[in-house]
Amino acid sequence: MPPWKRRMISVAVCLIAGFALVVTPLAALMVNPGYDGNGVTLRVLLWIPVLGGAAMVVTGFLLLGRPLPMDNTTPDKDAF
């Protein structure tokens, strides 16, 4: 598999899973905001997926901006 294809799959997985991890817990918190009396521990546990998803989205964008290594094993079509 060429390096660009692996990179694009990694970027797509990071962005899709990251956005899903951000949106799903926040939507659950909007629908059922009854977590006020449960304490700090439960609030921290509820925000862990949101922060993890944000980290995945940032990782996806950072991977998108990184240059790909040059592959010198394939011959150039214009070299003839």
C-alpha atoms as a PDB file:
ATOM      1  CA  MET A   1       0.000   0.000   0.000  1.00  0.00           C
ATOM      2  CA  PRO A   2       1.467   3.372  -0.941  1.00  0.00           C
ATOM      3  CA  PRO A   3       2.305   5.780   1.888  1.00  0.00           C
ATOM      4  CA  TRP A   4      -0.226   8.370   0.737  1.00  0.00           C
ATOM      5  CA  LYS A   5      -3.045   5.833   0.954  1.00  0.00           C
ATOM      6  CA  ARG A   6      -2.059   4.817   4.495  1.00  0.00           C
ATOM      7  CA  ARG A   7      -1.868   8.485   5.467  1.00  0.00           C
ATOM      8  CA  MET A   8      -5.309   9.274   4.047  1.00  0.00           C
ATOM      9  CA  ILE A   9      -6.854   6.272   5.809  1.00  0.00           C
ATOM     10  CA  SER A  10      -5.268   7.399   9.088  1.00  0.00           C
ATOM     11  CA  VAL A  11      -6.519  10.959   8.600  1.00  0.00           C
ATOM     12  CA  ALA A  12     -10.041   9.770   7.749  1.00  0.00           C
ATOM     13  CA  VAL A  13     -10.191   7.466  10.781  1.00  0.00           C
ATOM     14  CA  CYS A  14      -8.906  10.202  13.104  1.00  0.00           C
ATOM     15  CA  LEU A  15     -11.357  12.806  11.820  1.00  0.00           C
ATOM     16  CA  ILE A  16     -14.455  10.590  11.684  1.00  0.00           C
ATOM     17  CA  ALA A  17     -13.866   8.894  15.045  1.00  0.00           C
ATOM     18  CA  GLY A  18     -12.805  12.171  16.655  1.00  0.00           C
ATOM     19  CA  PHE A  19     -15.900  14.051  15.511  1.00  0.00           C
ATOM     20  CA  ALA A  20     -18.074  11.139  16.653  1.00  0.00           C
ATOM     21  CA  LEU A  21     -16.418  11.153  20.074  1.00  0.00           C
ATOM     22  CA  VAL A  22     -16.943  14.901  20.383  1.00  0.00           C
ATOM     23  CA  VAL A  23     -20.549  15.056  19.179  1.00  0.00           C
ATOM     24  CA  THR A  24     -22.042  11.989  20.888  1.00  0.00           C
ATOM     25  CA  PRO A  25     -21.293  12.837  24.553  1.00  0.00           C
ATOM     26  CA  LEU A  26     -22.128  16.502  24.038  1.00  0.00           C
ATOM     27  CA  ALA A  27     -25.480  15.575  22.514  1.00  0.00           C
ATOM     28  CA  ALA A  28     -26.143  13.253  25.465  1.00  0.00           C
ATOM     29  CA  LEU A  29     -25.324  16.090  27.851  1.00  0.00           C
ATOM     30  CA  MET A  30     -27.729  18.412  26.017  1.00  0.00           C
ATOM     31  CA  VAL A  31     -30.564  15.871  26.074  1.00  0.00           C
ATOM     32  CA  ASN A  32     -30.077  14.847  29.710  1.00  0.00           C
ATOM     33  CA  PRO A  33     -28.282  17.591  31.662  1.00  0.00           C
ATOM     34  CA  GLY A  34     -29.149  16.085  35.047  1.00  0.00           C
ATOM     35  CA  TYR A  35     -25.528  15.645  36.088  1.00  0.00           C
ATOM     36  CA  ASP A  36     -25.306  18.666  38.398  1.00  0.00           C
ATOM     37  CA  GLY A  37     -25.500  16.832  41.698  1.00  0.00           C
ATOM     38  CA  ASN A  38     -23.246  13.900  40.839  1.00  0.00           C
ATOM     39  CA  GLY A  39     -19.925  15.471  41.707  1.00  0.00           C
ATOM     40  CA  VAL A  40     -16.663  16.213  40.034  1.00  0.00           C
ATOM     41  CA  THR A  41     -15.678  12.613  39.334  1.00  0.00           C
ATOM     42  CA  LEU A  42     -18.624  11.933  37.047  1.00  0.00           C
ATOM     43  CA  ARG A  43     -18.148  15.233  35.244  1.00  0.00           C
ATOM     44  CA  VAL A  44     -14.518  14.368  34.548  1.00  0.00           C
ATOM     45  CA  LEU A  45     -15.551  10.933  33.276  1.00  0.00           C
ATOM     46  CA  LEU A  46     -18.133  12.536  30.992  1.00  0.00           C
ATOM     47  CA  TRP A  47     -15.604  14.946  29.486  1.00  0.00           C
ATOM     48  CA  ILE A  48     -12.895  12.305  28.816  1.00  0.00           C
ATOM     49  CA  PRO A  49     -14.462  11.163  25.469  1.00  0.00           C
ATOM     50  CA  VAL A  50     -14.935  14.784  24.394  1.00  0.00           C
ATOM     51  CA  LEU A  51     -11.298  15.636  25.068  1.00  0.00           C
ATOM     52  CA  GLY A  52     -10.130  12.395  23.458  1.00  0.00           C
ATOM     53  CA  GLY A  53     -12.185  13.154  20.359  1.00  0.00           C
ATOM     54  CA  ALA A  54     -10.773  16.670  20.173  1.00  0.00           C
ATOM     55  CA  ALA A  55      -7.269  15.213  20.398  1.00  0.00           C
ATOM     56  CA  MET A  56      -8.074  12.796  17.566  1.00  0.00           C
ATOM     57  CA  VAL A  57      -9.377  15.619  15.363  1.00  0.00           C
ATOM     58  CA  VAL A  58      -6.244  17.676  16.015  1.00  0.00           C
ATOM     59  CA  THR A  59      -4.091  14.619  15.249  1.00  0.00           C
ATOM     60  CA  GLY A  60      -5.964  14.110  11.971  1.00  0.00           C
ATOM     61  CA  PHE A  61      -5.354  17.699  10.899  1.00  0.00           C
ATOM     62  CA  LEU A  62      -1.686  17.480  11.909  1.00  0.00           C
ATOM     63  CA  LEU A  63      -1.279  14.283   9.878  1.00  0.00           C
ATOM     64  CA  LEU A  64      -2.954  15.990   6.948  1.00  0.00           C
ATOM     65  CA  GLY A  65      -0.384  18.778   6.998  1.00  0.00           C
ATOM     66  CA  ARG A  66       2.721  16.580   7.271  1.00  0.00           C
ATOM     67  CA  PRO A  67       4.701  15.912   4.093  1.00  0.00           C
ATOM     68  CA  LEU A  68       4.876  12.386   2.731  1.00  0.00           C
ATOM     69  CA  PRO A  69       8.258  10.667   2.392  1.00  0.00           C
ATOM     70  CA  MET A  70       9.513  10.304  -1.153  1.00  0.00           C
ATOM     71  CA  ASP A  71       9.273   6.778  -2.563  1.00  0.00           C
ATOM     72  CA  ASN A  72      12.214   6.169  -4.906  1.00  0.00           C
ATOM     73  CA  THR A  73      11.410   2.524  -5.591  1.00  0.00           C
ATOM     74  CA  THR A  74       8.808   3.206  -8.283  1.00  0.00           C
ATOM     75  CA  PRO A  75      10.131   4.342 -11.663  1.00  0.00           C
ATOM     76  CA  ASP A  76       9.082   7.686 -13.033  1.00  0.00           C
ATOM     77  CA  LYS A  77       6.811   7.623 -16.104  1.00  0.00           C
ATOM     78  CA  ASP A  78       8.497  10.741 -17.473  1.00  0.00           C
ATOM     79  CA  ALA A  79      12.030   9.390 -17.010  1.00  0.00           C
ATOM     80  CA  PHE A  80      12.226   7.904 -20.517  1.00  0.00           C
END
